[in-house]
Amino acid sequence: MYRKIVVPIDLAHADRMEGAITMAADLAKLYGATVCYLGATTPTPSSVAHSPEEYKEKLAAFALKEAQAHGQDVTTHMILSHDPTATLDDDLVKAVDEMDADLVVMATHVPHIGDRIWASNGGNLARRTKASVCLVRAPA
């Protein structure tokens, strides 16, 4: 059913995404799919990395750790964005479409009042891509 599963990862908060990571790994095993960890960074230093090159290395190291933990092949894809706050939704849609993903498994927060006004990243992906989107809430 699925051949390419994309998992958007925020390396600054990867510890809160374990549910989505595990679900993606389990689905990949079930369907023989590839998992691609998708991360976004800026060209300027951030709390995660000093440069895009360092971020790419950290994303690859994260993916390798998950590949070893779950016993599967994984890939990575890095988005370079000058303003992720303003362009993240568009960047995610573009990357998911370019990768021809079947499924996006992503962590999400517990809904709050603001979600009635502004759609979530996952909601935007579900409306704007052909991929199915599975949102996984972190434990409260």
N, C-alpha and C. Protein backbone atom coordinates (compact mmCIF):
# COMPACT_ATOMS: atom_id res chain seq x y z
N MET A 1 0.81 -1.19 0.00
CA MET A 1 0.00 0.00 0.00
C MET A 1 0.86 1.27 0.00
N TYR A 2 1.93 1.27 0.80
CA TYR A 2 2.83 2.43 0.86
C TYR A 2 4.22 2.00 0.41
N ARG A 3 4.88 2.88 -0.32
CA ARG A 3 6.25 2.59 -0.73
C ARG A 3 7.22 3.64 -0.23
N LYS A 4 6.77 4.90 -0.01
CA LYS A 4 7.64 5.94 0.53
C LYS A 4 6.89 6.69 1.63
N ILE A 5 7.45 6.62 2.84
CA ILE A 5 6.87 7.27 4.01
C ILE A 5 7.80 8.40 4.42
N VAL A 6 7.27 9.59 4.49
CA VAL A 6 8.05 10.76 4.90
C VAL A 6 7.70 11.11 6.35
N VAL A 7 8.74 11.36 7.14
CA VAL A 7 8.57 11.74 8.54
C VAL A 7 9.26 13.08 8.76
N PRO A 8 8.49 14.18 8.84
CA PRO A 8 9.09 15.47 9.15
C PRO A 8 9.65 15.44 10.58
N ILE A 9 10.88 15.88 10.72
CA ILE A 9 11.58 15.83 12.00
C ILE A 9 12.07 17.22 12.38
N ASP A 10 11.80 17.61 13.61
CA ASP A 10 12.39 18.80 14.19
C ASP A 10 13.50 18.29 15.10
N LEU A 11 14.75 18.41 14.67
CA LEU A 11 15.85 17.84 15.44
C LEU A 11 15.96 18.45 16.84
N ALA A 12 15.46 19.65 17.02
CA ALA A 12 15.49 20.27 18.35
C ALA A 12 14.51 19.60 19.30
N HIS A 13 13.53 18.89 18.77
CA HIS A 13 12.50 18.25 19.59
C HIS A 13 12.26 16.80 19.19
N ALA A 14 13.27 16.13 18.68
CA ALA A 14 13.12 14.76 18.20
C ALA A 14 12.65 13.82 19.31
N ASP A 15 13.01 14.12 20.55
CA ASP A 15 12.60 13.26 21.66
C ASP A 15 11.08 13.25 21.86
N ARG A 16 10.39 14.27 21.38
CA ARG A 16 8.93 14.33 21.50
C ARG A 16 8.23 13.68 20.31
N MET A 17 8.98 13.15 19.37
CA MET A 17 8.42 12.61 18.14
C MET A 17 8.52 11.09 18.06
N GLU A 18 8.83 10.47 19.18
CA GLU A 18 9.08 9.02 19.18
C GLU A 18 7.88 8.22 18.69
N GLY A 19 6.67 8.64 19.03
CA GLY A 19 5.48 7.93 18.58
C GLY A 19 5.36 7.92 17.07
N ALA A 20 5.58 9.07 16.44
CA ALA A 20 5.50 9.16 14.98
C ALA A 20 6.63 8.36 14.32
N ILE A 21 7.80 8.42 14.91
CA ILE A 21 8.95 7.70 14.36
C ILE A 21 8.70 6.19 14.41
N THR A 22 8.21 5.72 15.54
CA THR A 22 7.93 4.30 15.69
C THR A 22 6.81 3.85 14.75
N MET A 23 5.76 4.66 14.65
CA MET A 23 4.66 4.30 13.75
C MET A 23 5.15 4.21 12.30
N ALA A 24 5.95 5.17 11.88
CA ALA A 24 6.47 5.15 10.51
C ALA A 24 7.33 3.92 10.29
N ALA A 25 8.18 3.58 11.26
CA ALA A 25 9.03 2.40 11.13
C ALA A 25 8.19 1.12 11.04
N ASP A 26 7.16 1.03 11.87
CA ASP A 26 6.29 -0.15 11.85
C ASP A 26 5.55 -0.27 10.52
N LEU A 27 5.02 0.84 10.03
CA LEU A 27 4.31 0.82 8.75
C LEU A 27 5.26 0.48 7.60
N ALA A 28 6.48 1.00 7.67
CA ALA A 28 7.46 0.70 6.63
C ALA A 28 7.78 -0.80 6.60
N LYS A 29 7.93 -1.40 7.77
CA LYS A 29 8.17 -2.85 7.82
C LYS A 29 6.97 -3.61 7.26
N LEU A 30 5.78 -3.21 7.65
CA LEU A 30 4.58 -3.89 7.21
C LEU A 30 4.42 -3.86 5.70
N TYR A 31 4.71 -2.71 5.09
CA TYR A 31 4.48 -2.54 3.65
C TYR A 31 5.75 -2.60 2.80
N GLY A 32 6.89 -2.81 3.41
CA GLY A 32 8.14 -2.83 2.65
C GLY A 32 8.49 -1.46 2.08
N ALA A 33 8.14 -0.43 2.81
CA ALA A 33 8.35 0.95 2.34
C ALA A 33 9.66 1.52 2.84
N THR A 34 10.10 2.57 2.20
CA THR A 34 11.26 3.34 2.61
C THR A 34 10.79 4.49 3.49
N VAL A 35 11.56 4.80 4.53
CA VAL A 35 11.28 5.95 5.39
C VAL A 35 12.27 7.05 5.05
N CYS A 36 11.75 8.25 4.84
CA CYS A 36 12.60 9.41 4.59
C CYS A 36 12.36 10.43 5.71
N TYR A 37 13.42 10.75 6.44
CA TYR A 37 13.33 11.77 7.47
C TYR A 37 13.58 13.13 6.81
N LEU A 38 12.61 14.01 6.98
CA LEU A 38 12.62 15.32 6.34
C LEU A 38 12.84 16.39 7.40
N GLY A 39 13.89 17.18 7.23
CA GLY A 39 14.19 18.23 8.19
C GLY A 39 14.37 19.56 7.51
N ALA A 40 14.07 20.63 8.24
CA ALA A 40 14.21 21.99 7.70
C ALA A 40 15.18 22.78 8.56
N THR A 41 15.99 23.58 7.90
CA THR A 41 16.94 24.44 8.60
C THR A 41 17.08 25.76 7.86
N THR A 42 17.78 26.66 8.48
CA THR A 42 18.04 27.98 7.89
C THR A 42 19.49 28.06 7.45
N PRO A 43 19.82 29.02 6.57
CA PRO A 43 21.22 29.18 6.18
C PRO A 43 22.07 29.79 7.30
N THR A 44 21.41 30.34 8.32
CA THR A 44 22.12 30.97 9.43
C THR A 44 22.17 30.00 10.62
N PRO A 45 23.07 30.23 11.56
CA PRO A 45 23.16 29.34 12.72
C PRO A 45 21.85 29.26 13.49
N SER A 46 21.60 28.08 14.06
CA SER A 46 20.39 27.86 14.85
C SER A 46 20.78 27.11 16.12
N SER A 47 19.80 26.79 16.93
CA SER A 47 20.08 26.03 18.15
C SER A 47 20.50 24.59 17.84
N VAL A 48 20.22 24.12 16.63
CA VAL A 48 20.55 22.75 16.25
C VAL A 48 21.90 22.66 15.55
N ALA A 49 22.18 23.59 14.67
CA ALA A 49 23.41 23.51 13.86
C ALA A 49 23.90 24.91 13.48
N HIS A 50 25.19 25.00 13.29
CA HIS A 50 25.80 26.28 12.93
C HIS A 50 25.72 26.59 11.44
N SER A 51 25.46 25.57 10.64
CA SER A 51 25.42 25.75 9.19
C SER A 51 24.52 24.68 8.59
N PRO A 52 24.08 24.88 7.35
CA PRO A 52 23.30 23.84 6.68
C PRO A 52 24.07 22.52 6.55
N GLU A 53 25.37 22.61 6.35
CA GLU A 53 26.18 21.40 6.22
C GLU A 53 26.17 20.60 7.52
N GLU A 54 26.31 21.32 8.65
CA GLU A 54 26.28 20.65 9.95
C GLU A 54 24.89 20.06 10.20
N TYR A 55 23.84 20.79 9.82
CA TYR A 55 22.48 20.27 9.99
C TYR A 55 22.30 18.99 9.18
N LYS A 56 22.79 19.00 7.95
CA LYS A 56 22.66 17.82 7.09
C LYS A 56 23.35 16.61 7.73
N GLU A 57 24.51 16.84 8.34
CA GLU A 57 25.22 15.77 9.02
C GLU A 57 24.43 15.26 10.22
N LYS A 58 23.84 16.18 10.98
CA LYS A 58 23.05 15.78 12.15
C LYS A 58 21.79 15.03 11.74
N LEU A 59 21.16 15.46 10.66
CA LEU A 59 19.99 14.75 10.15
C LEU A 59 20.37 13.34 9.70
N ALA A 60 21.50 13.22 9.03
CA ALA A 60 21.98 11.90 8.59
C ALA A 60 22.30 11.00 9.78
N ALA A 61 22.92 11.57 10.82
CA ALA A 61 23.24 10.80 12.02
C ALA A 61 21.97 10.34 12.73
N PHE A 62 20.98 11.22 12.78
CA PHE A 62 19.69 10.86 13.37
C PHE A 62 19.07 9.70 12.59
N ALA A 63 19.06 9.81 11.28
CA ALA A 63 18.47 8.78 10.43
C ALA A 63 19.19 7.44 10.59
N LEU A 64 20.51 7.49 10.67
CA LEU A 64 21.29 6.27 10.85
C LEU A 64 20.94 5.60 12.18
N LYS A 65 20.83 6.39 13.23
CA LYS A 65 20.45 5.85 14.54
C LYS A 65 19.09 5.17 14.47
N GLU A 66 18.13 5.81 13.80
CA GLU A 66 16.79 5.23 13.68
C GLU A 66 16.80 3.98 12.78
N ALA A 67 17.61 4.01 11.73
CA ALA A 67 17.72 2.85 10.85
C ALA A 67 18.24 1.64 11.62
N GLN A 68 19.23 1.87 12.46
CA GLN A 68 19.79 0.78 13.26
C GLN A 68 18.80 0.31 14.32
N ALA A 69 18.08 1.25 14.91
CA ALA A 69 17.11 0.89 15.96
C ALA A 69 15.95 0.07 15.41
N HIS A 70 15.54 0.37 14.18
CA HIS A 70 14.36 -0.29 13.61
C HIS A 70 14.71 -1.31 12.53
N GLY A 71 16.00 -1.44 12.20
CA GLY A 71 16.42 -2.45 11.24
C GLY A 71 15.91 -2.23 9.84
N GLN A 72 16.04 -0.99 9.34
CA GLN A 72 15.55 -0.72 7.99
C GLN A 72 16.38 0.37 7.32
N ASP A 73 16.24 0.41 6.01
CA ASP A 73 16.91 1.45 5.24
C ASP A 73 16.11 2.74 5.35
N VAL A 74 16.82 3.85 5.46
CA VAL A 74 16.17 5.15 5.52
C VAL A 74 16.93 6.12 4.62
N THR A 75 16.26 7.21 4.28
CA THR A 75 16.90 8.30 3.55
C THR A 75 16.61 9.59 4.30
N THR A 76 17.24 10.66 3.86
CA THR A 76 16.98 11.97 4.45
C THR A 76 16.76 12.98 3.33
N HIS A 77 16.07 14.04 3.69
CA HIS A 77 15.86 15.16 2.77
C HIS A 77 15.88 16.43 3.61
N MET A 78 16.70 17.38 3.20
CA MET A 78 16.82 18.63 3.95
C MET A 78 16.19 19.78 3.16
N ILE A 79 15.39 20.57 3.86
CA ILE A 79 14.82 21.78 3.29
C ILE A 79 15.64 22.96 3.82
N LEU A 80 16.10 23.81 2.95
CA LEU A 80 16.81 25.02 3.34
C LEU A 80 15.84 26.19 3.17
N SER A 81 15.51 26.83 4.29
CA SER A 81 14.51 27.89 4.26
C SER A 81 15.05 29.14 4.95
N HIS A 82 14.85 30.28 4.33
CA HIS A 82 15.29 31.54 4.94
C HIS A 82 14.36 31.96 6.06
N ASP A 83 13.11 31.50 6.06
CA ASP A 83 12.14 31.86 7.09
C ASP A 83 11.16 30.71 7.30
N PRO A 84 11.58 29.68 8.03
CA PRO A 84 10.71 28.51 8.21
C PRO A 84 9.36 28.84 8.84
N THR A 85 9.31 29.84 9.68
CA THR A 85 8.04 30.20 10.30
C THR A 85 7.02 30.61 9.25
N ALA A 86 7.47 31.32 8.24
CA ALA A 86 6.56 31.82 7.20
C ALA A 86 6.35 30.82 6.06
N THR A 87 7.34 29.98 5.77
CA THR A 87 7.27 29.15 4.56
C THR A 87 7.22 27.65 4.81
N LEU A 88 7.18 27.22 6.07
CA LEU A 88 7.29 25.79 6.35
C LEU A 88 6.19 24.97 5.67
N ASP A 89 4.94 25.43 5.72
CA ASP A 89 3.87 24.68 5.07
C ASP A 89 4.13 24.49 3.58
N ASP A 90 4.47 25.58 2.90
CA ASP A 90 4.75 25.49 1.46
C ASP A 90 5.96 24.60 1.19
N ASP A 91 6.99 24.72 2.04
CA ASP A 91 8.19 23.90 1.87
C ASP A 91 7.89 22.42 2.06
N LEU A 92 7.08 22.09 3.05
CA LEU A 92 6.71 20.70 3.29
C LEU A 92 5.92 20.13 2.12
N VAL A 93 4.95 20.88 1.64
CA VAL A 93 4.13 20.43 0.50
C VAL A 93 5.02 20.17 -0.71
N LYS A 94 5.90 21.11 -1.00
CA LYS A 94 6.79 20.97 -2.16
C LYS A 94 7.67 19.74 -2.02
N ALA A 95 8.26 19.54 -0.83
CA ALA A 95 9.16 18.40 -0.62
C ALA A 95 8.41 17.07 -0.72
N VAL A 96 7.24 16.99 -0.10
CA VAL A 96 6.46 15.75 -0.15
C VAL A 96 6.07 15.42 -1.58
N ASP A 97 5.66 16.43 -2.34
CA ASP A 97 5.30 16.19 -3.75
C ASP A 97 6.51 15.81 -4.58
N GLU A 98 7.64 16.49 -4.38
CA GLU A 98 8.86 16.17 -5.15
C GLU A 98 9.34 14.75 -4.87
N MET A 99 9.17 14.29 -3.63
CA MET A 99 9.61 12.94 -3.27
C MET A 99 8.59 11.88 -3.66
N ASP A 100 7.42 12.32 -4.14
CA ASP A 100 6.36 11.40 -4.53
C ASP A 100 6.02 10.45 -3.39
N ALA A 101 5.84 11.02 -2.20
CA ALA A 101 5.53 10.24 -1.01
C ALA A 101 4.09 9.74 -1.05
N ASP A 102 3.89 8.54 -0.51
CA ASP A 102 2.55 7.97 -0.38
C ASP A 102 1.92 8.39 0.95
N LEU A 103 2.76 8.51 1.98
CA LEU A 103 2.28 8.72 3.33
C LEU A 103 3.23 9.64 4.06
N VAL A 104 2.67 10.55 4.84
CA VAL A 104 3.44 11.39 5.75
C VAL A 104 2.98 11.04 7.15
N VAL A 105 3.92 10.66 8.01
CA VAL A 105 3.62 10.38 9.41
C VAL A 105 4.33 11.46 10.20
N MET A 106 3.53 12.26 10.91
CA MET A 106 4.16 13.36 11.64
C MET A 106 3.58 13.53 13.03
N ALA A 107 4.45 13.98 13.91
CA ALA A 107 4.03 14.27 15.27
C ALA A 107 3.21 15.55 15.26
N THR A 108 2.30 15.63 16.21
CA THR A 108 1.48 16.83 16.33
C THR A 108 1.26 17.14 17.81
N HIS A 109 0.80 18.32 18.06
CA HIS A 109 0.54 18.76 19.43
C HIS A 109 -0.93 18.51 19.77
N VAL A 110 -1.22 18.63 21.04
CA VAL A 110 -2.62 18.56 21.48
C VAL A 110 -3.30 19.84 20.98
N PRO A 111 -4.46 19.73 20.35
CA PRO A 111 -5.10 20.93 19.80
C PRO A 111 -5.39 21.98 20.88
N HIS A 112 -5.32 23.22 20.46
CA HIS A 112 -5.67 24.33 21.35
C HIS A 112 -6.50 25.35 20.57
N ILE A 113 -6.91 26.40 21.22
CA ILE A 113 -7.84 27.35 20.63
C ILE A 113 -7.33 27.95 19.32
N GLY A 114 -6.03 28.18 19.22
CA GLY A 114 -5.47 28.77 18.00
C GLY A 114 -5.67 27.90 16.77
N ASP A 115 -5.83 26.58 16.97
CA ASP A 115 -6.01 25.68 15.83
C ASP A 115 -7.35 25.89 15.13
N ARG A 116 -8.26 26.59 15.77
CA ARG A 116 -9.53 26.90 15.13
C ARG A 116 -9.36 28.00 14.09
N ILE A 117 -8.31 28.78 14.25
CA ILE A 117 -8.05 29.89 13.33
C ILE A 117 -6.98 29.51 12.31
N TRP A 118 -5.88 28.95 12.79
CA TRP A 118 -4.77 28.58 11.90
C TRP A 118 -4.68 27.07 11.81
N ALA A 119 -4.65 26.59 10.61
CA ALA A 119 -4.54 25.14 10.40
C ALA A 119 -3.14 24.66 10.79
N SER A 120 -3.06 23.40 11.19
CA SER A 120 -1.78 22.80 11.54
C SER A 120 -0.98 22.47 10.29
N ASN A 121 0.31 22.20 10.48
CA ASN A 121 1.15 21.78 9.35
C ASN A 121 0.59 20.50 8.73
N GLY A 122 0.17 19.56 9.57
CA GLY A 122 -0.40 18.31 9.06
C GLY A 122 -1.69 18.54 8.30
N GLY A 123 -2.53 19.42 8.80
CA GLY A 123 -3.77 19.75 8.11
C GLY A 123 -3.51 20.36 6.75
N ASN A 124 -2.54 21.24 6.69
CA ASN A 124 -2.18 21.84 5.40
C ASN A 124 -1.66 20.79 4.43
N LEU A 125 -0.82 19.87 4.92
CA LEU A 125 -0.32 18.80 4.05
C LEU A 125 -1.46 17.94 3.51
N ALA A 126 -2.38 17.59 4.39
CA ALA A 126 -3.50 16.73 3.97
C ALA A 126 -4.35 17.41 2.90
N ARG A 127 -4.51 18.72 3.00
CA ARG A 127 -5.32 19.43 2.01
C ARG A 127 -4.57 19.67 0.70
N ARG A 128 -3.24 19.76 0.74
CA ARG A 128 -2.51 20.25 -0.42
C ARG A 128 -1.63 19.22 -1.12
N THR A 129 -1.55 18.00 -0.62
CA THR A 129 -0.76 16.97 -1.30
C THR A 129 -1.63 15.76 -1.59
N LYS A 130 -1.14 14.89 -2.44
CA LYS A 130 -1.88 13.66 -2.72
C LYS A 130 -1.54 12.56 -1.71
N ALA A 131 -0.52 12.80 -0.89
CA ALA A 131 -0.12 11.81 0.11
C ALA A 131 -1.14 11.75 1.24
N SER A 132 -1.31 10.57 1.80
CA SER A 132 -2.08 10.44 3.02
C SER A 132 -1.25 11.02 4.16
N VAL A 133 -1.91 11.53 5.17
CA VAL A 133 -1.21 12.14 6.30
C VAL A 133 -1.74 11.51 7.59
N CYS A 134 -0.81 11.01 8.40
CA CYS A 134 -1.14 10.41 9.69
C CYS A 134 -0.50 11.29 10.77
N LEU A 135 -1.34 11.85 11.63
CA LEU A 135 -0.85 12.70 12.72
C LEU A 135 -0.81 11.87 14.00
N VAL A 136 0.31 11.94 14.69
CA VAL A 136 0.51 11.16 15.91
C VAL A 136 0.77 12.12 17.05
N ARG A 137 -0.11 12.11 18.04
CA ARG A 137 0.06 12.99 19.19
C ARG A 137 1.07 12.40 20.16
N ALA A 138 1.90 13.29 20.69
CA ALA A 138 2.82 12.89 21.72
C ALA A 138 2.03 12.71 23.03
N PRO A 139 2.50 11.83 23.90
CA PRO A 139 1.80 11.68 25.17
C PRO A 139 1.80 13.00 25.93
N ALA A 140 0.72 13.28 26.62
CA ALA A 140 0.60 14.55 27.36
C ALA A 140 1.49 14.59 28.56
